Protein backbone atom coordinates (compact mmCIF):
# COMPACT_ATOMS: atom_id res chain seq x y z
CA UNK A 1 -17.92 -4.81 -7.54
CA UNK A 2 -17.20 -1.58 -5.65
CA UNK A 3 -17.42 -3.46 -2.28
CA UNK A 4 -14.96 -6.15 -3.54
CA UNK A 5 -12.32 -3.82 -4.79
CA UNK A 6 -12.70 -1.81 -1.60
CA UNK A 7 -12.24 -4.63 0.59
CA UNK A 8 -9.44 -5.86 -1.27
CA UNK A 9 -7.65 -2.51 -1.13
CA UNK A 10 -8.19 -2.24 2.43
CA UNK A 11 -6.90 -5.66 3.24
CA UNK A 12 -3.63 -4.64 1.16
CA UNK A 13 -3.23 -1.54 3.06
CA UNK A 14 -3.62 -3.44 6.52
CA UNK A 15 -1.54 -6.26 5.34
CA UNK A 16 1.37 -3.84 4.61
CA UNK A 17 0.80 -1.92 7.81
CA UNK A 18 1.24 -5.33 9.84
CA UNK A 19 4.27 -6.11 7.83
CA UNK A 20 5.70 -2.42 8.41
CA UNK A 21 5.01 -2.94 12.21
CA UNK A 22 7.10 -6.19 12.25
CA UNK A 23 9.86 -4.55 10.42
CA UNK A 24 9.70 -1.73 13.26
CA UNK A 25 11.42 -4.20 15.52
CA UNK A 26 14.81 -4.10 13.43
CA UNK A 27 17.69 -2.93 14.89
CA UNK A 28 18.87 -1.21 11.77
CA UNK A 29 17.45 2.52 11.54
CA UNK A 30 17.25 2.34 7.65
CA UNK A 31 14.99 -0.53 8.04
CA UNK A 32 12.82 1.16 10.73
CA UNK A 33 12.56 4.35 8.66
CA UNK A 34 11.46 2.33 5.32
CA UNK A 35 8.81 0.57 7.84
CA UNK A 36 7.48 3.81 8.81
CA UNK A 37 7.14 5.02 5.28
CA UNK A 38 5.20 1.64 4.31
CA UNK A 39 3.08 1.83 7.47
CA UNK A 40 1.95 5.34 6.54
CA UNK A 41 1.29 4.11 3.06
CA UNK A 42 -0.78 1.26 4.32
CA UNK A 43 -2.81 3.57 6.40
CA UNK A 44 -3.24 5.92 3.58
CA UNK A 45 -4.50 3.11 1.20
CA UNK A 46 -6.68 1.90 3.87
CA UNK A 47 -8.43 5.18 4.85
CA UNK A 48 -8.87 6.47 1.50
CA UNK A 49 -10.50 3.17 0.44
CA UNK A 50 -12.92 3.49 3.51
CA UNK A 51 -13.74 7.16 2.58
CA UNK A 52 -14.42 5.69 -0.88
CA UNK A 53 -16.78 3.50 0.21
CA UNK A 54 -18.55 5.64 2.49
CA UNK A 55 -19.08 7.78 -0.44
CA UNK A 56 -19.26 11.59 -0.50
CA UNK A 57 -16.26 12.20 -2.77
CA UNK A 58 -15.64 11.37 -6.46
CA UNK A 59 -13.61 8.19 -7.12
CA UNK A 60 -10.85 9.89 -8.48
CA UNK A 61 -9.88 11.78 -5.41
CA UNK A 62 -9.72 8.54 -3.39
CA UNK A 63 -7.97 6.83 -6.15
CA UNK A 64 -5.07 9.45 -5.84
CA UNK A 65 -4.82 9.25 -2.28
CA UNK A 66 -4.81 5.48 -2.73
CA UNK A 67 -2.00 5.85 -5.48
CA UNK A 68 0.13 7.94 -3.14
CA UNK A 69 -0.40 5.38 -0.41
CA UNK A 70 0.49 2.47 -2.63
CA UNK A 71 3.51 4.15 -3.60
CA UNK A 72 4.55 4.49 -0.02
CA UNK A 73 4.07 0.91 0.05
CA UNK A 74 5.80 -0.32 -2.90
CA UNK A 75 9.00 1.80 -2.83
CA UNK A 76 10.12 1.13 0.64
CA UNK A 77 9.12 -2.64 0.01
CA UNK A 78 11.62 -2.89 -3.15
CA UNK A 79 14.39 -0.65 -1.21
CA UNK A 80 14.12 -3.19 1.81
CA UNK A 81 14.97 -6.09 -0.65
CA UNK A 82 17.29 -4.26 -2.53
CA UNK A 83 19.34 -3.10 0.69
CA UNK A 84 19.21 -6.72 2.18
CA UNK A 85 20.43 -8.26 -1.03
CA UNK A 86 17.41 -10.62 -1.09
CA UNK A 87 15.53 -8.91 -4.16
CA UNK A 88 12.81 -10.90 -5.78
CA UNK A 89 11.84 -8.84 -8.86
CA UNK A 90 8.81 -10.89 -9.64
CA UNK A 91 7.30 -10.25 -6.19
CA UNK A 92 7.93 -6.52 -6.37
CA UNK A 93 6.30 -6.45 -10.09
CA UNK A 94 3.18 -8.65 -8.69
CA UNK A 95 2.91 -6.18 -5.87
CA UNK A 96 3.17 -3.14 -8.15
CA UNK A 97 0.40 -4.82 -10.48
CA UNK A 98 -1.80 -5.66 -7.57
CA UNK A 99 -1.60 -2.02 -6.44
CA UNK A 100 -2.44 -0.67 -9.93
CA UNK A 101 -5.27 -2.80 -10.10
CA UNK A 102 -6.58 -1.67 -6.87
CA UNK A 103 -6.11 2.03 -7.66
CA UNK A 104 -8.14 1.38 -10.93
CA UNK A 105 -10.69 -0.29 -8.96
CA UNK A 106 -11.03 2.56 -6.47
CA UNK A 107 -11.15 5.15 -9.57
CA UNK A 108 -13.60 3.16 -11.40
CA UNK A 109 -16.11 1.98 -9.11
């Protein structure tokens, strides 16, 4: 189960890094700033999860790094939706729940 949760968390981080890379092409400087924050969060999630899978540290330490990365993903995503006027609350709630589950998976396994 540790490997499944780890791979899911890495994919979550890489997916949001890719989404942020696409958003970096925007002409709006605010959108680019939020994209940079989201990319940093995605990299943070992927790296802390990879470190967790490699072992060597307690799971709670990697879970804290993963939680910080998820926060850097969810907040800019919400702000992008709010700023563009195209806010879908269910989408952001689902993203937050998935992030919480992945952080819990990293902490427990």
